[in-house]
Amino acid sequence: MKVTALAGGVGGAKLLVGLHRALSDPSDLTAVVNTGDDASIYGVHVSPDVDIVTYWLAGVADSQRGWGLRGDTFNLVDSLAVLGAETWFRLGDRDFATCLYRTQRLAEGVPLSIVTEEVARALGVASRVIPMTDDRVRTRILTKDDRALEFQQYFVRERCEPEVARITFEGIESATAAPGVIEAIDSADVVVLCPSNPFVSLAPILGLGGVTQALRGRARVVAVSPIVGGSALKGPADRMLASLGHDVSASGVASLYSDIVDTFVVDEIDAEHAARIGFTGMQALALDTVMKDHDASERLAKALLDL
């Protein structure tokens, strides 16, 4: 079975680990990953979602924090702080090495998709990791107090506290999907929309020309809700739903995907939402979606693949 998953953030990474473990051949899994969160920090190109996914699939992620490398040190940013630099973005020393390698390769004219493949291969990742585009797309958060923030400023520096008025994706109009993205969707037996933030993790991928059209042509597209019991397990998805005028619930997320998803999965605690979602034309199922560990991720992945 060939599986293509659209992902970003820790929720996406956890489900990808489950899919990786559930498939008899992990090379049958392709992860298409958000790059709207990318930024230039400390002079290097940081691709947070790409690295989160790669590190989790490689088995080297710091699973307690959710991001970065297990056992990493922070001597570099701590030394920068001594010199008076702003260090609100905590980048570990080994993580910095990944970003420095990426920056050097990009400066040589190598596309981001190739660099990502090189890093994944070096870390022993058997599955394919593709950034959504080789072009520059940047998520911008427009706040209700009339500020325009880069995503990492909103997410890390301001800890998602500002109320969101609007979200834009700078460069999305001219960007094209990275090589292999549309092909991975077209050739998949099932496409999975991971329980990632629908506004800032999945919307940039879906906004690329050809992606939504390719999904509409698929017979099996499954999405997993990132909202459980009216709250996001991690991140600001619940607050974004509220501030952008959507119902803060699994069914509120389902309404965002009604034209591309045929099966929407909610957590067992939200089973009553399944009937509500069914009226949209999607099949709705309740499963245990809380991935407390790798075994739970694998159980969810197997249930999704059996649908």
C-alpha atoms as a PDB file:
ATOM      1  CA  MET A   1       0.000   0.000   0.000  1.00  0.00           C
ATOM      2  CA  LYS A   2       1.330   3.408  -0.983  1.00  0.00           C
ATOM      3  CA  VAL A   3       0.474   6.195   1.458  1.00  0.00           C
ATOM      4  CA  THR A   4       0.947   9.930   1.038  1.00  0.00           C
ATOM      5  CA  ALA A   5       0.486  12.114   4.115  1.00  0.00           C
ATOM      6  CA  LEU A   6       0.202  15.899   4.273  1.00  0.00           C
ATOM      7  CA  ALA A   7       1.762  17.071   7.501  1.00  0.00           C
ATOM      8  CA  GLY A   8       3.217  19.779   9.678  1.00  0.00           C
ATOM      9  CA  GLY A   9       4.079  20.086  13.359  1.00  0.00           C
ATOM     10  CA  VAL A  10       4.223  17.502  16.115  1.00  0.00           C
ATOM     11  CA  GLY A  11       0.773  16.001  15.486  1.00  0.00           C
ATOM     12  CA  GLY A  12       1.737  15.303  11.910  1.00  0.00           C
ATOM     13  CA  ALA A  13       5.098  13.867  12.910  1.00  0.00           C
ATOM     14  CA  LYS A  14       3.517  11.501  15.433  1.00  0.00           C
ATOM     15  CA  LEU A  15       1.080  10.062  12.910  1.00  0.00           C
ATOM     16  CA  LEU A  16       3.862   9.719  10.343  1.00  0.00           C
ATOM     17  CA  VAL A  17       5.801   7.607  12.828  1.00  0.00           C
ATOM     18  CA  GLY A  18       2.725   5.414  13.208  1.00  0.00           C
ATOM     19  CA  LEU A  19       2.311   5.064   9.445  1.00  0.00           C
ATOM     20  CA  HIS A  20       6.018   4.301   9.094  1.00  0.00           C
ATOM     21  CA  ARG A  21       5.668   1.483  11.619  1.00  0.00           C
ATOM     22  CA  ALA A  22       2.363   0.194  10.231  1.00  0.00           C
ATOM     23  CA  LEU A  23       3.551  -0.246   6.657  1.00  0.00           C
ATOM     24  CA  SER A  24       5.453  -3.413   5.766  1.00  0.00           C
ATOM     25  CA  ASP A  25       7.748  -1.259   3.622  1.00  0.00           C
ATOM     26  CA  PRO A  26       8.347   2.225   5.066  1.00  0.00           C
ATOM     27  CA  SER A  27       9.535   3.418   1.649  1.00  0.00           C
ATOM     28  CA  ASP A  28       5.870   3.250   0.582  1.00  0.00           C
ATOM     29  CA  LEU A  29       5.226   6.309   2.794  1.00  0.00           C
ATOM     30  CA  THR A  30       5.644   9.835   1.413  1.00  0.00           C
ATOM     31  CA  ALA A  31       5.335  12.862   3.678  1.00  0.00           C
ATOM     32  CA  VAL A  32       4.513  16.187   2.034  1.00  0.00           C
ATOM     33  CA  VAL A  33       5.490  18.803   4.598  1.00  0.00           C
ATOM     34  CA  ASN A  34       4.576  22.445   5.164  1.00  0.00           C
ATOM     35  CA  THR A  35       7.293  25.049   4.568  1.00  0.00           C
ATOM     36  CA  GLY A  36       5.265  28.177   5.302  1.00  0.00           C
ATOM     37  CA  ASP A  37       6.885  28.186   8.757  1.00  0.00           C
ATOM     38  CA  ASP A  38      10.397  28.488   7.285  1.00  0.00           C
ATOM     39  CA  ALA A  39      12.472  31.453   8.393  1.00  0.00           C
ATOM     40  CA  SER A  40      15.948  32.939   8.347  1.00  0.00           C
ATOM     41  CA  ILE A  41      17.195  32.945  11.943  1.00  0.00           C
ATOM     42  CA  TYR A  42      20.779  33.397  13.169  1.00  0.00           C
ATOM     43  CA  GLY A  43      21.785  33.615   9.517  1.00  0.00           C
ATOM     44  CA  VAL A  44      20.586  30.105   8.628  1.00  0.00           C
ATOM     45  CA  HIS A  45      17.535  28.740   6.804  1.00  0.00           C
ATOM     46  CA  VAL A  46      15.316  27.060   9.391  1.00  0.00           C
ATOM     47  CA  SER A  47      12.636  24.612   8.177  1.00  0.00           C
ATOM     48  CA  PRO A  48      10.890  23.725  11.445  1.00  0.00           C
ATOM     49  CA  ASP A  49       8.174  21.401  10.117  1.00  0.00           C
ATOM     50  CA  VAL A  50      10.489  19.606   7.703  1.00  0.00           C
ATOM     51  CA  ASP A  51      13.004  19.023  10.487  1.00  0.00           C
ATOM     52  CA  ILE A  52      10.379  17.944  13.033  1.00  0.00           C
ATOM     53  CA  VAL A  53       9.081  15.324  10.602  1.00  0.00           C
ATOM     54  CA  THR A  54      12.564  14.166   9.608  1.00  0.00           C
ATOM     55  CA  TYR A  55      13.815  13.887  13.188  1.00  0.00           C
ATOM     56  CA  TRP A  56      10.724  11.967  14.340  1.00  0.00           C
ATOM     57  CA  LEU A  57      10.956   9.520  11.434  1.00  0.00           C
ATOM     58  CA  ALA A  58      14.669   9.088  12.126  1.00  0.00           C
ATOM     59  CA  GLY A  59      13.970   8.278  15.778  1.00  0.00           C
ATOM     60  CA  VAL A  60      16.214  11.094  17.022  1.00  0.00           C
ATOM     61  CA  ALA A  61      13.628  13.743  17.967  1.00  0.00           C
ATOM     62  CA  ASP A  62      13.262  15.172  21.440  1.00  0.00           C
ATOM     63  CA  SER A  63       9.808  13.701  22.024  1.00  0.00           C
ATOM     64  CA  GLN A  64       9.343  15.587  25.309  1.00  0.00           C
ATOM     65  CA  ARG A  65       9.665  19.024  23.709  1.00  0.00           C
ATOM     66  CA  GLY A  66       8.271  17.792  20.390  1.00  0.00           C
ATOM     67  CA  TRP A  67      10.897  19.673  18.392  1.00  0.00           C
ATOM     68  CA  GLY A  68      14.660  19.486  18.035  1.00  0.00           C
ATOM     69  CA  LEU A  69      17.039  16.612  18.666  1.00  0.00           C
ATOM     70  CA  ARG A  70      17.119  14.423  21.735  1.00  0.00           C
ATOM     71  CA  GLY A  71      20.071  15.276  23.970  1.00  0.00           C
ATOM     72  CA  ASP A  72      20.975  18.415  22.025  1.00  0.00           C
ATOM     73  CA  THR A  73      22.876  21.248  23.701  1.00  0.00           C
ATOM     74  CA  PHE A  74      22.291  24.976  23.335  1.00  0.00           C
ATOM     75  CA  ASN A  75      25.781  26.402  23.696  1.00  0.00           C
ATOM     76  CA  LEU A  76      25.517  28.483  20.534  1.00  0.00           C
ATOM     77  CA  VAL A  77      22.343  30.387  21.401  1.00  0.00           C
ATOM     78  CA  ASP A  78      23.453  30.747  25.012  1.00  0.00           C
ATOM     79  CA  SER A  79      26.712  32.292  23.802  1.00  0.00           C
ATOM     80  CA  LEU A  80      24.796  34.619  21.504  1.00  0.00           C
ATOM     81  CA  ALA A  81      22.692  35.708  24.472  1.00  0.00           C
ATOM     82  CA  VAL A  82      25.851  36.637  26.385  1.00  0.00           C
ATOM     83  CA  LEU A  83      26.788  38.857  23.454  1.00  0.00           C
ATOM     84  CA  GLY A  84      23.426  40.608  23.673  1.00  0.00           C
ATOM     85  CA  ALA A  85      21.665  38.948  20.745  1.00  0.00           C
ATOM     86  CA  GLU A  86      17.961  38.139  20.783  1.00  0.00           C
ATOM     87  CA  THR A  87      17.630  34.419  21.411  1.00  0.00           C
ATOM     88  CA  TRP A  88      13.882  33.852  21.713  1.00  0.00           C
ATOM     89  CA  PHE A  89      14.188  31.127  19.068  1.00  0.00           C
ATOM     90  CA  ARG A  90      15.961  28.236  20.799  1.00  0.00           C
ATOM     91  CA  LEU A  91      17.943  26.326  18.176  1.00  0.00           C
ATOM     92  CA  GLY A  92      20.057  23.449  19.455  1.00  0.00           C
ATOM     93  CA  ASP A  93      23.684  22.999  18.421  1.00  0.00           C
ATOM     94  CA  ARG A  94      23.147  19.834  16.356  1.00  0.00           C
ATOM     95  CA  ASP A  95      19.905  21.258  15.008  1.00  0.00           C
ATOM     96  CA  PHE A  96      21.894  24.337  13.974  1.00  0.00           C
ATOM     97  CA  ALA A  97      24.232  22.039  12.026  1.00  0.00           C
ATOM     98  CA  THR A  98      21.264  20.764   9.996  1.00  0.00           C
ATOM     99  CA  CYS A  99      20.187  24.324   9.257  1.00  0.00           C
ATOM    100  CA  LEU A 100      23.725  25.417   8.383  1.00  0.00           C
ATOM    101  CA  TYR A 101      24.072  22.506   5.949  1.00  0.00           C
ATOM    102  CA  ARG A 102      20.716  23.442   4.391  1.00  0.00           C
ATOM    103  CA  THR A 103      21.774  27.085   4.064  1.00  0.00           C
ATOM    104  CA  GLN A 104      25.069  26.204   2.393  1.00  0.00           C
ATOM    105  CA  ARG A 105      23.428  23.819  -0.076  1.00  0.00           C
ATOM    106  CA  LEU A 106      20.703  26.322  -0.953  1.00  0.00           C
ATOM    107  CA  ALA A 107      23.398  28.958  -1.563  1.00  0.00           C
ATOM    108  CA  GLU A 108      24.973  26.514  -4.024  1.00  0.00           C
ATOM    109  CA  GLY A 109      21.718  26.463  -5.970  1.00  0.00           C
ATOM    110  CA  VAL A 110      20.456  23.076  -4.749  1.00  0.00           C
ATOM    111  CA  PRO A 111      16.632  22.990  -4.381  1.00  0.00           C
ATOM    112  CA  LEU A 112      15.129  22.560  -0.919  1.00  0.00           C
ATOM    113  CA  SER A 113      13.566  19.247  -1.944  1.00  0.00           C
ATOM    114  CA  ILE A 114      16.985  17.780  -2.797  1.00  0.00           C
ATOM    115  CA  VAL A 115      18.556  19.132   0.400  1.00  0.00           C
ATOM    116  CA  THR A 116      15.706  17.613   2.430  1.00  0.00           C
ATOM    117  CA  GLU A 117      16.280  14.265   0.736  1.00  0.00           C
ATOM    118  CA  GLU A 118      20.001  14.468   1.548  1.00  0.00           C
ATOM    119  CA  VAL A 119      19.349  15.188   5.233  1.00  0.00           C
ATOM    120  CA  ALA A 120      16.733  12.433   5.526  1.00  0.00           C
ATOM    121  CA  ARG A 121      19.049   9.920   3.879  1.00  0.00           C
ATOM    122  CA  ALA A 122      21.942  10.901   6.167  1.00  0.00           C
ATOM    123  CA  LEU A 123      19.716  10.317   9.207  1.00  0.00           C
ATOM    124  CA  GLY A 124      18.550   6.914   7.943  1.00  0.00           C
ATOM    125  CA  VAL A 125      14.936   7.816   7.152  1.00  0.00           C
ATOM    126  CA  ALA A 126      13.433   5.104   4.958  1.00  0.00           C
ATOM    127  CA  SER A 127      10.297   7.055   4.023  1.00  0.00           C
ATOM    128  CA  ARG A 128      10.292   9.935   1.577  1.00  0.00           C
ATOM    129  CA  VAL A 129      10.091  13.474   2.969  1.00  0.00           C
ATOM    130  CA  ILE A 130       9.211  16.213   0.463  1.00  0.00           C
ATOM    131  CA  PRO A 131       8.876  19.902   1.345  1.00  0.00           C
ATOM    132  CA  MET A 132       5.656  21.200  -0.192  1.00  0.00           C
ATOM    133  CA  THR A 133       7.534  23.556  -2.548  1.00  0.00           C
ATOM    134  CA  ASP A 134      11.019  24.621  -3.552  1.00  0.00           C
ATOM    135  CA  ASP A 135       9.739  28.187  -3.829  1.00  0.00           C
ATOM    136  CA  ARG A 136       9.634  30.777  -1.061  1.00  0.00           C
ATOM    137  CA  VAL A 137       6.279  30.754   0.754  1.00  0.00           C
ATOM    138  CA  ARG A 138       5.985  32.465   4.133  1.00  0.00           C
ATOM    139  CA  THR A 139       3.059  32.409   6.544  1.00  0.00           C
ATOM    140  CA  ARG A 140       2.105  35.819   7.911  1.00  0.00           C
ATOM    141  CA  ILE A 141      -0.168  36.324  10.913  1.00  0.00           C
ATOM    142  CA  LEU A 142      -2.242  39.486  10.900  1.00  0.00           C
ATOM    143  CA  THR A 143      -3.366  40.174  14.447  1.00  0.00           C
ATOM    144  CA  LYS A 144      -6.449  41.934  15.757  1.00  0.00           C
ATOM    145  CA  ASP A 145      -4.237  44.640  17.235  1.00  0.00           C
ATOM    146  CA  ASP A 146      -3.129  45.512  13.676  1.00  0.00           C
ATOM    147  CA  ARG A 147       0.278  43.853  13.557  1.00  0.00           C
ATOM    148  CA  ALA A 148       1.759  41.683  10.821  1.00  0.00           C
ATOM    149  CA  LEU A 149       3.951  38.968  12.303  1.00  0.00           C
ATOM    150  CA  GLU A 150       6.205  36.397  10.709  1.00  0.00           C
ATOM    151  CA  PHE A 151       5.017  32.989  11.783  1.00  0.00           C
ATOM    152  CA  GLN A 152       7.918  32.255  14.127  1.00  0.00           C
ATOM    153  CA  GLN A 153       7.459  35.654  15.782  1.00  0.00           C
ATOM    154  CA  TYR A 154       3.827  34.777  16.455  1.00  0.00           C
ATOM    155  CA  PHE A 155       4.412  31.137  17.371  1.00  0.00           C
ATOM    156  CA  VAL A 156       7.645  31.272  19.383  1.00  0.00           C
ATOM    157  CA  ARG A 157       8.387  34.848  20.424  1.00  0.00           C
ATOM    158  CA  GLU A 158       4.796  35.740  21.307  1.00  0.00           C
ATOM    159  CA  ARG A 159       3.724  32.204  22.258  1.00  0.00           C
ATOM    160  CA  CYS A 160       0.579  32.317  20.081  1.00  0.00           C
ATOM    161  CA  GLU A 161      -0.977  34.892  22.395  1.00  0.00           C
ATOM    162  CA  PRO A 162      -2.089  37.562  19.878  1.00  0.00           C
ATOM    163  CA  GLU A 163      -5.613  37.080  18.556  1.00  0.00           C
ATOM    164  CA  VAL A 164      -5.531  36.220  14.863  1.00  0.00           C
ATOM    165  CA  ALA A 165      -7.502  38.349  12.409  1.00  0.00           C
ATOM    166  CA  ARG A 166      -6.217  36.868   9.174  1.00  0.00           C
ATOM    167  CA  ILE A 167      -3.554  34.495   7.839  1.00  0.00           C
ATOM    168  CA  THR A 168      -1.779  35.014   4.531  1.00  0.00           C
ATOM    169  CA  PHE A 169       0.817  33.037   2.615  1.00  0.00           C
ATOM    170  CA  GLU A 170       3.325  35.320   0.990  1.00  0.00           C
ATOM    171  CA  GLY A 171       4.449  33.915  -2.375  1.00  0.00           C
ATOM    172  CA  ILE A 172       1.769  31.214  -2.641  1.00  0.00           C
ATOM    173  CA  GLU A 173       0.339  32.603  -5.896  1.00  0.00           C
ATOM    174  CA  SER A 174       3.537  32.013  -7.865  1.00  0.00           C
ATOM    175  CA  ALA A 175       4.773  28.936  -5.992  1.00  0.00           C
ATOM    176  CA  THR A 176       4.520  25.461  -7.483  1.00  0.00           C
ATOM    177  CA  ALA A 177       4.453  22.115  -5.725  1.00  0.00           C
ATOM    178  CA  ALA A 178       7.872  20.528  -5.306  1.00  0.00           C
ATOM    179  CA  PRO A 179       8.843  17.732  -7.699  1.00  0.00           C
ATOM    180  CA  GLY A 180       7.089  14.527  -6.665  1.00  0.00           C
ATOM    181  CA  VAL A 181       4.258  16.089  -4.659  1.00  0.00           C
ATOM    182  CA  ILE A 182       1.442  15.749  -7.207  1.00  0.00           C
ATOM    183  CA  GLU A 183       2.793  12.388  -8.342  1.00  0.00           C
ATOM    184  CA  ALA A 184       2.788  11.126  -4.746  1.00  0.00           C
ATOM    185  CA  ILE A 185      -0.855  12.121  -4.366  1.00  0.00           C
ATOM    186  CA  ASP A 186      -1.861  10.631  -7.714  1.00  0.00           C
ATOM    187  CA  SER A 187      -0.111   7.308  -7.092  1.00  0.00           C
ATOM    188  CA  ALA A 188      -1.176   6.816  -3.457  1.00  0.00           C
ATOM    189  CA  ASP A 189      -3.652   4.155  -2.421  1.00  0.00           C
ATOM    190  CA  VAL A 190      -4.670   6.472   0.401  1.00  0.00           C
ATOM    191  CA  VAL A 191      -3.903  10.106   1.207  1.00  0.00           C
ATOM    192  CA  VAL A 192      -3.896  11.115   4.862  1.00  0.00           C
ATOM    193  CA  LEU A 193      -4.332  14.646   6.161  1.00  0.00           C
ATOM    194  CA  CYS A 194      -2.542  14.455   9.488  1.00  0.00           C
ATOM    195  CA  PRO A 195      -3.940  16.029  12.692  1.00  0.00           C
ATOM    196  CA  SER A 196      -1.970  19.188  11.969  1.00  0.00           C
ATOM    197  CA  ASN A 197      -3.169  22.772  12.290  1.00  0.00           C
ATOM    198  CA  PRO A 198      -5.587  23.262   9.366  1.00  0.00           C
ATOM    199  CA  PHE A 199      -4.775  26.972   8.996  1.00  0.00           C
ATOM    200  CA  VAL A 200      -0.983  27.143   9.185  1.00  0.00           C
ATOM    201  CA  SER A 201       0.238  23.579   8.587  1.00  0.00           C
ATOM    202  CA  LEU A 202      -2.109  22.156   5.951  1.00  0.00           C
ATOM    203  CA  ALA A 203      -3.606  25.262   4.285  1.00  0.00           C
ATOM    204  CA  PRO A 204      -0.249  26.279   2.727  1.00  0.00           C
ATOM    205  CA  ILE A 205       0.097  22.822   1.148  1.00  0.00           C
ATOM    206  CA  LEU A 206      -3.493  22.832  -0.068  1.00  0.00           C
ATOM    207  CA  GLY A 207      -3.016  26.349  -1.443  1.00  0.00           C
ATOM    208  CA  LEU A 208      -0.377  25.276  -3.945  1.00  0.00           C
ATOM    209  CA  GLY A 209      -1.629  24.995  -7.506  1.00  0.00           C
ATOM    210  CA  GLY A 210      -2.716  21.481  -8.390  1.00  0.00           C
ATOM    211  CA  VAL A 211      -2.731  19.983  -4.898  1.00  0.00           C
ATOM    212  CA  THR A 212      -6.415  20.413  -4.086  1.00  0.00           C
ATOM    213  CA  GLN A 213      -7.355  19.336  -7.600  1.00  0.00           C
ATOM    214  CA  ALA A 214      -5.274  16.177  -7.240  1.00  0.00           C
ATOM    215  CA  LEU A 215      -6.938  15.379  -3.912  1.00  0.00           C
ATOM    216  CA  ARG A 216     -10.398  15.803  -5.413  1.00  0.00           C
ATOM    217  CA  GLY A 217      -9.511  13.094  -7.907  1.00  0.00           C
ATOM    218  CA  ARG A 218      -8.590  10.584  -5.208  1.00  0.00           C
ATOM    219  CA  ALA A 219     -10.963   7.867  -4.058  1.00  0.00           C
ATOM    220  CA  ARG A 220      -9.500   7.645  -0.539  1.00  0.00           C
ATOM    221  CA  VAL A 221      -8.611  10.812   1.334  1.00  0.00           C
ATOM    222  CA  VAL A 222      -8.700  10.493   5.120  1.00  0.00           C
ATOM    223  CA  ALA A 223      -8.308  13.364   7.594  1.00  0.00           C
ATOM    224  CA  VAL A 224      -7.750  13.187  11.346  1.00  0.00           C
ATOM    225  CA  SER A 225      -9.028  15.975  13.566  1.00  0.00           C
ATOM    226  CA  PRO A 226      -6.441  17.967  15.556  1.00  0.00           C
ATOM    227  CA  ILE A 227      -9.238  19.048  17.919  1.00  0.00           C
ATOM    228  CA  VAL A 228     -10.102  16.642  20.731  1.00  0.00           C
ATOM    229  CA  GLY A 229     -12.833  17.514  23.204  1.00  0.00           C
ATOM    230  CA  GLY A 230     -12.961  21.108  21.983  1.00  0.00           C
ATOM    231  CA  SER A 231      -9.239  21.757  22.402  1.00  0.00           C
ATOM    232  CA  ALA A 232      -6.030  21.352  20.446  1.00  0.00           C
ATOM    233  CA  LEU A 233      -3.703  18.807  22.007  1.00  0.00           C
ATOM    234  CA  LYS A 234      -0.804  21.065  21.034  1.00  0.00           C
ATOM    235  CA  GLY A 235      -0.579  24.439  19.359  1.00  0.00           C
ATOM    236  CA  PRO A 236      -3.073  27.219  18.637  1.00  0.00           C
ATOM    237  CA  ALA A 237      -5.554  25.469  16.306  1.00  0.00           C
ATOM    238  CA  ASP A 238      -8.453  25.865  18.753  1.00  0.00           C
ATOM    239  CA  ARG A 239      -7.792  29.582  19.281  1.00  0.00           C
ATOM    240  CA  MET A 240      -7.458  30.120  15.531  1.00  0.00           C
ATOM    241  CA  LEU A 241     -10.765  28.378  14.883  1.00  0.00           C
ATOM    242  CA  ALA A 242     -12.446  30.720  17.368  1.00  0.00           C
ATOM    243  CA  SER A 243     -10.819  33.959  16.224  1.00  0.00           C
ATOM    244  CA  LEU A 244     -11.425  33.174  12.544  1.00  0.00           C
ATOM    245  CA  GLY A 245     -15.123  32.493  13.111  1.00  0.00           C
ATOM    246  CA  HIS A 246     -15.310  28.698  13.054  1.00  0.00           C
ATOM    247  CA  ASP A 247     -16.824  26.256  15.511  1.00  0.00           C
ATOM    248  CA  VAL A 248     -14.117  25.074  17.904  1.00  0.00           C
ATOM    249  CA  SER A 249     -14.742  21.373  17.445  1.00  0.00           C
ATOM    250  CA  ALA A 250     -13.899  18.380  15.322  1.00  0.00           C
ATOM    251  CA  SER A 251     -16.878  19.180  13.103  1.00  0.00           C
ATOM    252  CA  GLY A 252     -15.568  22.738  12.747  1.00  0.00           C
ATOM    253  CA  VAL A 253     -12.348  21.337  11.287  1.00  0.00           C
ATOM    254  CA  ALA A 254     -14.248  18.886   9.098  1.00  0.00           C
ATOM    255  CA  SER A 255     -16.112  21.776   7.462  1.00  0.00           C
ATOM    256  CA  LEU A 256     -12.754  23.109   6.205  1.00  0.00           C
ATOM    257  CA  TYR A 257     -12.061  19.872   4.327  1.00  0.00           C
ATOM    258  CA  SER A 258     -15.536  19.023   3.048  1.00  0.00           C
ATOM    259  CA  ASP A 259     -14.606  19.338  -0.639  1.00  0.00           C
ATOM    260  CA  ILE A 260     -11.496  17.134  -0.563  1.00  0.00           C
ATOM    261  CA  VAL A 261     -11.949  14.515   2.192  1.00  0.00           C
ATOM    262  CA  ASP A 262     -14.185  11.465   2.013  1.00  0.00           C
ATOM    263  CA  THR A 263     -13.493  10.083   5.517  1.00  0.00           C
ATOM    264  CA  PHE A 264     -13.016  12.296   8.577  1.00  0.00           C
ATOM    265  CA  VAL A 265     -11.793  10.750  11.826  1.00  0.00           C
ATOM    266  CA  VAL A 266     -12.629  12.236  15.216  1.00  0.00           C
ATOM    267  CA  ASP A 267     -11.505  11.103  18.636  1.00  0.00           C
ATOM    268  CA  GLU A 268     -13.761   8.767  20.598  1.00  0.00           C
ATOM    269  CA  ILE A 269     -14.539  11.585  23.017  1.00  0.00           C
ATOM    270  CA  ASP A 270     -16.077  13.489  20.081  1.00  0.00           C
ATOM    271  CA  ALA A 271     -18.194  10.608  18.793  1.00  0.00           C
ATOM    272  CA  GLU A 272     -21.323  12.774  18.812  1.00  0.00           C
ATOM    273  CA  HIS A 273     -19.726  14.950  16.130  1.00  0.00           C
ATOM    274  CA  ALA A 274     -19.589  12.013  13.710  1.00  0.00           C
ATOM    275  CA  ALA A 275     -23.310  12.238  12.937  1.00  0.00           C
ATOM    276  CA  ARG A 276     -23.051  15.988  12.434  1.00  0.00           C
ATOM    277  CA  ILE A 277     -20.128  15.560  10.026  1.00  0.00           C
ATOM    278  CA  GLY A 278     -22.030  12.888   8.121  1.00  0.00           C
ATOM    279  CA  PHE A 279     -24.461  15.524   6.860  1.00  0.00           C
ATOM    280  CA  THR A 280     -21.609  17.154   4.899  1.00  0.00           C
ATOM    281  CA  GLY A 281     -21.292  14.104   2.659  1.00  0.00           C
ATOM    282  CA  MET A 282     -18.175  12.816   4.361  1.00  0.00           C
ATOM    283  CA  GLN A 283     -18.033   9.533   6.193  1.00  0.00           C
ATOM    284  CA  ALA A 284     -17.177  10.184   9.840  1.00  0.00           C
ATOM    285  CA  LEU A 285     -15.648   7.709  12.262  1.00  0.00           C
ATOM    286  CA  ALA A 286     -14.604   7.856  15.902  1.00  0.00           C
ATOM    287  CA  LEU A 287     -11.255   6.310  16.859  1.00  0.00           C
ATOM    288  CA  ASP A 288      -8.705   6.720  19.615  1.00  0.00           C
ATOM    289  CA  THR A 289      -6.652   9.532  18.061  1.00  0.00           C
ATOM    290  CA  VAL A 290      -4.573  10.595  21.081  1.00  0.00           C
ATOM    291  CA  MET A 291      -1.034   9.438  20.280  1.00  0.00           C
ATOM    292  CA  LYS A 292       0.548   9.147  23.727  1.00  0.00           C
ATOM    293  CA  ASP A 293       3.419   7.018  22.436  1.00  0.00           C
ATOM    294  CA  HIS A 294       4.651   5.296  19.271  1.00  0.00           C
ATOM    295  CA  ASP A 295       2.455   2.254  19.905  1.00  0.00           C
ATOM    296  CA  ALA A 296      -0.652   4.447  20.047  1.00  0.00           C
ATOM    297  CA  SER A 297       0.462   6.161  16.840  1.00  0.00           C
ATOM    298  CA  GLU A 298       0.849   2.797  15.142  1.00  0.00           C
ATOM    299  CA  ARG A 299      -2.594   1.614  16.310  1.00  0.00           C
ATOM    300  CA  LEU A 300      -4.199   4.740  14.862  1.00  0.00           C
ATOM    301  CA  ALA A 301      -2.249   4.375  11.630  1.00  0.00           C
ATOM    302  CA  LYS A 302      -3.320   0.756  11.207  1.00  0.00           C
ATOM    303  CA  ALA A 303      -6.951   1.693  11.809  1.00  0.00           C
ATOM    304  CA  LEU A 304      -6.704   4.416   9.157  1.00  0.00           C
ATOM    305  CA  LEU A 305      -5.128   2.086   6.624  1.00  0.00           C
ATOM    306  CA  ASP A 306      -7.862  -0.485   7.248  1.00  0.00           C
ATOM    307  CA  LEU A 307     -10.671   1.960   6.424  1.00  0.00           C
END
